[in-house]
Amino acid sequence: MVDAMKKVANLDVELSVEDQRNLLSVRYKNVVGACRASWRILSLNRAEGGSQRE
């Protein structure tokens, strides 16, 4: 995705609002997805740790 964004940034054309929105939404989805996956792992580890202590 980074390479694609660099290519778009180096072009001398103006992106349409729709293209800008699509690129932003894809990037947001990727960032939030990574955070969500990390949160799931932490929650799972905490839940497993709590059940082992009891």
PDB file of N, CA and C in Angstrom:
ATOM      1  N   MET A   1       0.820  -1.190   0.000  1.00  0.00           N
ATOM      2  CA  MET A   1       0.000   0.000   0.000  1.00  0.00           C
ATOM      3  C   MET A   1       0.860   1.248   0.000  1.00  0.00           C
ATOM      4  N   VAL A   2       1.976   1.203   0.720  1.00  0.00           N
ATOM      5  CA  VAL A   2       2.870   2.360   0.781  1.00  0.00           C
ATOM      6  C   VAL A   2       3.413   2.680  -0.596  1.00  0.00           C
ATOM      7  N   ASP A   3       3.816   1.655  -1.321  1.00  0.00           N
ATOM      8  CA  ASP A   3       4.345   1.885  -2.668  1.00  0.00           C
ATOM      9  C   ASP A   3       3.287   2.502  -3.577  1.00  0.00           C
ATOM     10  N   ALA A   4       2.075   2.032  -3.465  1.00  0.00           N
ATOM     11  CA  ALA A   4       0.994   2.578  -4.288  1.00  0.00           C
ATOM     12  C   ALA A   4       0.737   4.041  -3.946  1.00  0.00           C
ATOM     13  N   MET A   5       0.777   4.373  -2.664  1.00  0.00           N
ATOM     14  CA  MET A   5       0.561   5.761  -2.257  1.00  0.00           C
ATOM     15  C   MET A   5       1.692   6.662  -2.733  1.00  0.00           C
ATOM     16  N   LYS A   6       2.923   6.156  -2.716  1.00  0.00           N
ATOM     17  CA  LYS A   6       4.056   6.944  -3.211  1.00  0.00           C
ATOM     18  C   LYS A   6       3.908   7.222  -4.700  1.00  0.00           C
ATOM     19  N   LYS A   7       3.452   6.224  -5.446  1.00  0.00           N
ATOM     20  CA  LYS A   7       3.239   6.422  -6.884  1.00  0.00           C
ATOM     21  C   LYS A   7       2.170   7.474  -7.133  1.00  0.00           C
ATOM     22  N   VAL A   8       1.094   7.416  -6.375  1.00  0.00           N
ATOM     23  CA  VAL A   8       0.017   8.393  -6.529  1.00  0.00           C
ATOM     24  C   VAL A   8       0.516   9.790  -6.170  1.00  0.00           C
ATOM     25  N   ALA A   9       1.324   9.893  -5.121  1.00  0.00           N
ATOM     26  CA  ALA A   9       1.836  11.197  -4.695  1.00  0.00           C
ATOM     27  C   ALA A   9       2.769  11.799  -5.736  1.00  0.00           C
ATOM     28  N   ASN A  10       3.493  10.969  -6.457  1.00  0.00           N
ATOM     29  CA  ASN A  10       4.435  11.464  -7.459  1.00  0.00           C
ATOM     30  C   ASN A  10       3.763  11.842  -8.773  1.00  0.00           C
ATOM     31  N   LEU A  11       2.532  11.457  -8.976  1.00  0.00           N
ATOM     32  CA  LEU A  11       1.810  11.833 -10.189  1.00  0.00           C
ATOM     33  C   LEU A  11       1.439  13.312 -10.123  1.00  0.00           C
ATOM     34  N   ASP A  12       1.419  13.942 -11.265  1.00  0.00           N
ATOM     35  CA  ASP A  12       1.058  15.360 -11.316  1.00  0.00           C
ATOM     36  C   ASP A  12      -0.410  15.553 -11.688  1.00  0.00           C
ATOM     37  N   VAL A  13      -1.258  14.687 -11.178  1.00  0.00           N
ATOM     38  CA  VAL A  13      -2.689  14.809 -11.447  1.00  0.00           C
ATOM     39  C   VAL A  13      -3.427  14.967 -10.123  1.00  0.00           C
ATOM     40  N   GLU A  14      -4.545  15.623 -10.192  1.00  0.00           N
ATOM     41  CA  GLU A  14      -5.383  15.810  -9.014  1.00  0.00           C
ATOM     42  C   GLU A  14      -6.334  14.622  -8.902  1.00  0.00           C
ATOM     43  N   LEU A  15      -6.380  14.020  -7.735  1.00  0.00           N
ATOM     44  CA  LEU A  15      -7.300  12.905  -7.516  1.00  0.00           C
ATOM     45  C   LEU A  15      -8.704  13.440  -7.278  1.00  0.00           C
ATOM     46  N   SER A  16      -9.666  12.683  -7.712  1.00  0.00           N
ATOM     47  CA  SER A  16     -11.049  13.073  -7.450  1.00  0.00           C
ATOM     48  C   SER A  16     -11.359  12.854  -5.971  1.00  0.00           C
ATOM     49  N   VAL A  17     -12.413  13.458  -5.523  1.00  0.00           N
ATOM     50  CA  VAL A  17     -12.830  13.309  -4.132  1.00  0.00           C
ATOM     51  C   VAL A  17     -13.128  11.847  -3.831  1.00  0.00           C
ATOM     52  N   GLU A  18     -13.738  11.166  -4.781  1.00  0.00           N
ATOM     53  CA  GLU A  18     -14.059   9.753  -4.592  1.00  0.00           C
ATOM     54  C   GLU A  18     -12.788   8.914  -4.445  1.00  0.00           C
ATOM     55  N   ASP A  19     -11.772   9.186  -5.278  1.00  0.00           N
ATOM     56  CA  ASP A  19     -10.507   8.455  -5.178  1.00  0.00           C
ATOM     57  C   ASP A  19      -9.826   8.724  -3.843  1.00  0.00           C
ATOM     58  N   GLN A  20      -9.835   9.976  -3.410  1.00  0.00           N
ATOM     59  CA  GLN A  20      -9.234  10.319  -2.124  1.00  0.00           C
ATOM     60  C   GLN A  20      -9.949   9.603  -0.989  1.00  0.00           C
ATOM     61  N   ARG A  21     -11.268   9.589  -1.045  1.00  0.00           N
ATOM     62  CA  ARG A  21     -12.062   8.931  -0.003  1.00  0.00           C
ATOM     63  C   ARG A  21     -11.792   7.431   0.023  1.00  0.00           C
ATOM     64  N   ASN A  22     -11.683   6.822  -1.152  1.00  0.00           N
ATOM     65  CA  ASN A  22     -11.412   5.387  -1.214  1.00  0.00           C
ATOM     66  C   ASN A  22     -10.043   5.053  -0.640  1.00  0.00           C
ATOM     67  N   LEU A  23      -9.030   5.852  -0.984  1.00  0.00           N
ATOM     68  CA  LEU A  23      -7.691   5.612  -0.444  1.00  0.00           C
ATOM     69  C   LEU A  23      -7.669   5.780   1.069  1.00  0.00           C
ATOM     70  N   LEU A  24      -8.351   6.804   1.559  1.00  0.00           N
ATOM     71  CA  LEU A  24      -8.411   7.030   2.999  1.00  0.00           C
ATOM     72  C   LEU A  24      -9.122   5.882   3.707  1.00  0.00           C
ATOM     73  N   SER A  25     -10.214   5.413   3.142  1.00  0.00           N
ATOM     74  CA  SER A  25     -10.969   4.343   3.798  1.00  0.00           C
ATOM     75  C   SER A  25     -10.180   3.038   3.831  1.00  0.00           C
ATOM     76  N   VAL A  26      -9.420   2.758   2.783  1.00  0.00           N
ATOM     77  CA  VAL A  26      -8.596   1.546   2.768  1.00  0.00           C
ATOM     78  C   VAL A  26      -7.510   1.643   3.825  1.00  0.00           C
ATOM     79  N   ARG A  27      -6.875   2.802   3.913  1.00  0.00           N
ATOM     80  CA  ARG A  27      -5.813   2.987   4.907  1.00  0.00           C
ATOM     81  C   ARG A  27      -6.375   2.886   6.321  1.00  0.00           C
ATOM     82  N   TYR A  28      -7.512   3.511   6.553  1.00  0.00           N
ATOM     83  CA  TYR A  28      -8.148   3.463   7.864  1.00  0.00           C
ATOM     84  C   TYR A  28      -8.493   2.029   8.239  1.00  0.00           C
ATOM     85  N   LYS A  29      -9.047   1.289   7.282  1.00  0.00           N
ATOM     86  CA  LYS A  29      -9.412  -0.106   7.528  1.00  0.00           C
ATOM     87  C   LYS A  29      -8.183  -0.925   7.912  1.00  0.00           C
ATOM     88  N   ASN A  30      -7.060  -0.694   7.231  1.00  0.00           N
ATOM     89  CA  ASN A  30      -5.842  -1.438   7.528  1.00  0.00           C
ATOM     90  C   ASN A  30      -5.302  -1.111   8.914  1.00  0.00           C
ATOM     91  N   VAL A  31      -5.299   0.160   9.276  1.00  0.00           N
ATOM     92  CA  VAL A  31      -4.792   0.564  10.593  1.00  0.00           C
ATOM     93  C   VAL A  31      -5.690   0.029  11.697  1.00  0.00           C
ATOM     94  N   VAL A  32      -6.988   0.204  11.550  1.00  0.00           N
ATOM     95  CA  VAL A  32      -7.926  -0.250  12.571  1.00  0.00           C
ATOM     96  C   VAL A  32      -7.909  -1.771  12.670  1.00  0.00           C
ATOM     97  N   GLY A  33      -7.787  -2.444  11.543  1.00  0.00           N
ATOM     98  CA  GLY A  33      -7.729  -3.907  11.559  1.00  0.00           C
ATOM     99  C   GLY A  33      -6.523  -4.425  12.319  1.00  0.00           C
ATOM    100  N   ALA A  34      -5.374  -3.768  12.140  1.00  0.00           N
ATOM    101  CA  ALA A  34      -4.166  -4.175  12.862  1.00  0.00           C
ATOM    102  C   ALA A  34      -4.329  -3.934  14.359  1.00  0.00           C
ATOM    103  N   CYS A  35      -4.893  -2.795  14.727  1.00  0.00           N
ATOM    104  CA  CYS A  35      -5.123  -2.509  16.148  1.00  0.00           C
ATOM    105  C   CYS A  35      -6.119  -3.492  16.751  1.00  0.00           C
ATOM    106  N   ARG A  36      -7.151  -3.801  16.011  1.00  0.00           N
ATOM    107  CA  ARG A  36      -8.173  -4.735  16.491  1.00  0.00           C
ATOM    108  C   ARG A  36      -7.577  -6.126  16.698  1.00  0.00           C
ATOM    109  N   ALA A  37      -6.722  -6.555  15.775  1.00  0.00           N
ATOM    110  CA  ALA A  37      -6.083  -7.868  15.907  1.00  0.00           C
ATOM    111  C   ALA A  37      -5.179  -7.901  17.137  1.00  0.00           C
ATOM    112  N   SER A  38      -4.432  -6.829  17.352  1.00  0.00           N
ATOM    113  CA  SER A  38      -3.569  -6.756  18.536  1.00  0.00           C
ATOM    114  C   SER A  38      -4.402  -6.800  19.809  1.00  0.00           C
ATOM    115  N   TRP A  39      -5.510  -6.077  19.819  1.00  0.00           N
ATOM    116  CA  TRP A  39      -6.374  -6.056  20.997  1.00  0.00           C
ATOM    117  C   TRP A  39      -6.954  -7.443  21.277  1.00  0.00           C
ATOM    118  N   ARG A  40      -7.323  -8.166  20.220  1.00  0.00           N
ATOM    119  CA  ARG A  40      -7.840  -9.529  20.403  1.00  0.00           C
ATOM    120  C   ARG A  40      -6.788 -10.428  21.037  1.00  0.00           C
ATOM    121  N   ILE A  41      -5.550 -10.322  20.575  1.00  0.00           N
ATOM    122  CA  ILE A  41      -4.469 -11.146  21.119  1.00  0.00           C
ATOM    123  C   ILE A  41      -4.256 -10.828  22.590  1.00  0.00           C
ATOM    124  N   LEU A  42      -4.215  -9.538  22.925  1.00  0.00           N
ATOM    125  CA  LEU A  42      -4.028  -9.155  24.324  1.00  0.00           C
ATOM    126  C   LEU A  42      -5.184  -9.637  25.190  1.00  0.00           C
ATOM    127  N   SER A  43      -6.394  -9.505  24.695  1.00  0.00           N
ATOM    128  CA  SER A  43      -7.561  -9.951  25.457  1.00  0.00           C
ATOM    129  C   SER A  43      -7.546 -11.462  25.653  1.00  0.00           C
ATOM    130  N   LEU A  44      -7.168 -12.191  24.618  1.00  0.00           N
ATOM    131  CA  LEU A  44      -7.101 -13.640  24.710  1.00  0.00           C
ATOM    132  C   LEU A  44      -6.033 -14.071  25.712  1.00  0.00           C
ATOM    133  N   ASN A  45      -4.867 -13.433  25.654  1.00  0.00           N
ATOM    134  CA  ASN A  45      -3.799 -13.760  26.598  1.00  0.00           C
ATOM    135  C   ASN A  45      -4.227 -13.461  28.028  1.00  0.00           C
ATOM    136  N   ARG A  46      -4.916 -12.360  28.223  1.00  0.00           N
ATOM    137  CA  ARG A  46      -5.364 -12.006  29.561  1.00  0.00           C
ATOM    138  C   ARG A  46      -6.403 -13.004  30.062  1.00  0.00           C
ATOM    139  N   ALA A  47      -7.312 -13.410  29.190  1.00  0.00           N
ATOM    140  CA  ALA A  47      -8.342 -14.374  29.578  1.00  0.00           C
ATOM    141  C   ALA A  47      -7.724 -15.729  29.906  1.00  0.00           C
ATOM    142  N   GLU A  48      -6.763 -16.160  29.117  1.00  0.00           N
ATOM    143  CA  GLU A  48      -6.100 -17.440  29.378  1.00  0.00           C
ATOM    144  C   GLU A  48      -5.282 -17.371  30.656  1.00  0.00           C
ATOM    145  N   GLY A  49      -4.635 -16.251  30.897  1.00  0.00           N
ATOM    146  CA  GLY A  49      -3.842 -16.079  32.112  1.00  0.00           C
ATOM    147  C   GLY A  49      -4.709 -16.087  33.349  1.00  0.00           C
ATOM    148  N   GLY A  50      -5.882 -15.500  33.264  1.00  0.00           N
ATOM    149  CA  GLY A  50      -6.802 -15.460  34.400  1.00  0.00           C
ATOM    150  C   GLY A  50      -7.346 -16.829  34.735  1.00  0.00           C
ATOM    151  N   SER A  51      -7.610 -17.652  33.734  1.00  0.00           N
ATOM    152  CA  SER A  51      -8.158 -18.978  34.001  1.00  0.00           C
ATOM    153  C   SER A  51      -7.088 -19.927  34.527  1.00  0.00           C
ATOM    154  N   GLN A  52      -5.839 -19.697  34.188  1.00  0.00           N
ATOM    155  CA  GLN A  52      -4.759 -20.554  34.669  1.00  0.00           C
ATOM    156  C   GLN A  52      -4.433 -20.263  36.127  1.00  0.00           C
ATOM    157  N   ARG A  53      -4.643 -19.030  36.562  1.00  0.00           N
ATOM    158  CA  ARG A  53      -4.323 -18.648  37.938  1.00  0.00           C
ATOM    159  C   ARG A  53      -5.340 -19.189  38.929  1.00  0.00           C
ATOM    160  N   GLU A  54      -6.545 -19.434  38.473  1.00  0.00           N
ATOM    161  CA  GLU A  54      -7.613 -19.866  39.390  1.00  0.00           C
ATOM    162  C   GLU A  54      -7.498 -21.299  39.787  1.00  0.00           C
TER     163      GLU A  54
END
